[in-house]
N, C-alpha and C. Protein backbone atom coordinates (compact mmCIF):
# COMPACT_ATOMS: atom_id res chain seq x y z
N TYR A 1 102.70 -72.28 47.56
CA TYR A 1 103.13 -71.97 45.94
C TYR A 1 103.70 -73.43 45.61
N ILE A 2 104.19 -74.32 46.93
CA ILE A 2 104.43 -75.65 46.81
C ILE A 2 103.49 -76.72 45.76
N GLN A 3 102.39 -76.74 46.25
CA GLN A 3 101.61 -77.36 45.38
C GLN A 3 101.51 -76.94 43.77
N ASN A 4 102.05 -75.95 43.25
CA ASN A 4 101.79 -75.28 42.02
C ASN A 4 103.35 -75.58 41.36
N TYR A 5 104.17 -76.17 41.93
CA TYR A 5 105.46 -76.57 41.60
C TYR A 5 105.61 -77.76 41.51
N ILE A 6 105.16 -79.05 42.41
CA ILE A 6 104.61 -80.04 42.02
C ILE A 6 103.97 -80.46 40.99
N ASP A 7 102.73 -79.57 40.65
CA ASP A 7 102.10 -79.58 39.58
C ASP A 7 102.24 -79.75 38.75
N GLU A 8 103.31 -78.53 38.33
CA GLU A 8 104.24 -78.52 37.29
C GLU A 8 105.31 -79.69 36.91
N PHE A 9 105.67 -79.93 37.79
CA PHE A 9 107.01 -81.15 37.41
C PHE A 9 106.45 -82.14 36.96
N VAL A 10 104.83 -82.71 37.85
CA VAL A 10 104.32 -83.92 37.25
C VAL A 10 104.02 -83.65 35.98
N TYR A 11 103.33 -82.77 35.43
CA TYR A 11 102.82 -82.61 34.44
C TYR A 11 103.97 -82.74 32.86
N LYS A 12 105.31 -82.07 33.55
CA LYS A 12 106.21 -82.22 32.69
C LYS A 12 106.76 -83.64 32.74
N LEU A 13 106.88 -83.79 33.81
CA LEU A 13 107.12 -85.83 33.94
C LEU A 13 106.72 -86.36 32.88
N ASN A 14 105.10 -86.31 32.71
CA ASN A 14 104.06 -87.93 32.56
C ASN A 14 104.15 -87.19 30.85
N ARG A 15 104.37 -86.13 30.61
CA ARG A 15 104.76 -85.67 28.91
C ARG A 15 106.14 -85.64 28.64
N ARG A 16 107.44 -85.77 29.13
CA ARG A 16 108.79 -86.38 28.91
C ARG A 16 108.58 -86.74 27.47
N TYR A 17 107.79 -88.11 27.05
CA TYR A 17 108.04 -88.83 26.65
C TYR A 17 107.36 -88.48 24.71
N PHE A 18 106.26 -88.20 25.12
CA PHE A 18 105.22 -87.39 23.95
C PHE A 18 105.81 -86.60 22.62
N GLY A 19 106.98 -85.56 22.70
CA GLY A 19 107.87 -84.91 21.74
C GLY A 19 107.02 -84.26 20.20
N GLU A 20 106.92 -85.41 19.32
CA GLU A 20 106.18 -84.56 18.28
C GLU A 20 104.76 -84.48 18.51
N LYS A 21 104.48 -85.98 19.04
CA LYS A 21 103.05 -86.44 19.44
C LYS A 21 102.14 -85.64 20.06
N LEU A 22 102.72 -85.09 20.77
CA LEU A 22 102.45 -83.96 22.01
C LEU A 22 101.18 -82.72 21.32
N PHE A 23 100.95 -82.16 20.34
CA PHE A 23 100.06 -81.76 19.31
C PHE A 23 98.57 -82.38 19.36
N ASP A 24 99.58 -83.98 18.57
CA ASP A 24 97.59 -84.99 18.32
C ASP A 24 97.41 -85.31 19.24
N ARG A 25 97.92 -85.34 20.63
CA ARG A 25 97.42 -86.29 21.41
C ARG A 25 97.06 -85.00 22.06
N LEU A 26 97.30 -83.53 22.67
CA LEU A 26 96.18 -82.39 22.37
C LEU A 26 95.27 -82.43 21.95
N ILE A 27 94.87 -82.66 20.54
CA ILE A 27 93.59 -82.05 20.20
C ILE A 27 92.60 -83.63 20.28
N VAL A 28 93.13 -84.60 20.44
CA VAL A 28 92.23 -86.04 20.81
C VAL A 28 92.03 -85.78 22.04
N ALA A 29 92.28 -84.97 22.63
CA ALA A 29 92.15 -84.93 24.01
C ALA A 29 91.24 -83.95 24.38
N ALA A 30 91.18 -82.67 23.35
CA ALA A 30 89.72 -81.71 23.28
C ALA A 30 88.76 -82.15 22.93
N ILE A 31 88.74 -83.00 21.41
CA ILE A 31 87.81 -83.87 21.38
C ILE A 31 86.84 -84.98 22.18
N GLN A 32 87.99 -85.36 22.79
CA GLN A 32 87.22 -87.03 23.66
C GLN A 32 86.04 -85.42 24.65
N THR A 33 86.53 -84.72 25.00
CA THR A 33 85.63 -84.19 26.21
C THR A 33 84.15 -83.94 25.03
N TYR A 34 84.20 -83.94 23.75
CA TYR A 34 83.21 -83.19 23.76
C TYR A 34 81.84 -84.95 23.21
N VAL A 35 82.73 -85.89 22.75
CA VAL A 35 81.92 -87.02 22.44
C VAL A 35 80.96 -87.61 24.01
């Protein structure tokens, strides 16, 4: 289970400054995978 906790921590750490831009970045990431 330790890897799951580490993955979650790194995910939140990398996204701590996105704030209101998080949804926009999610949409862009979803679109770029298909282009």
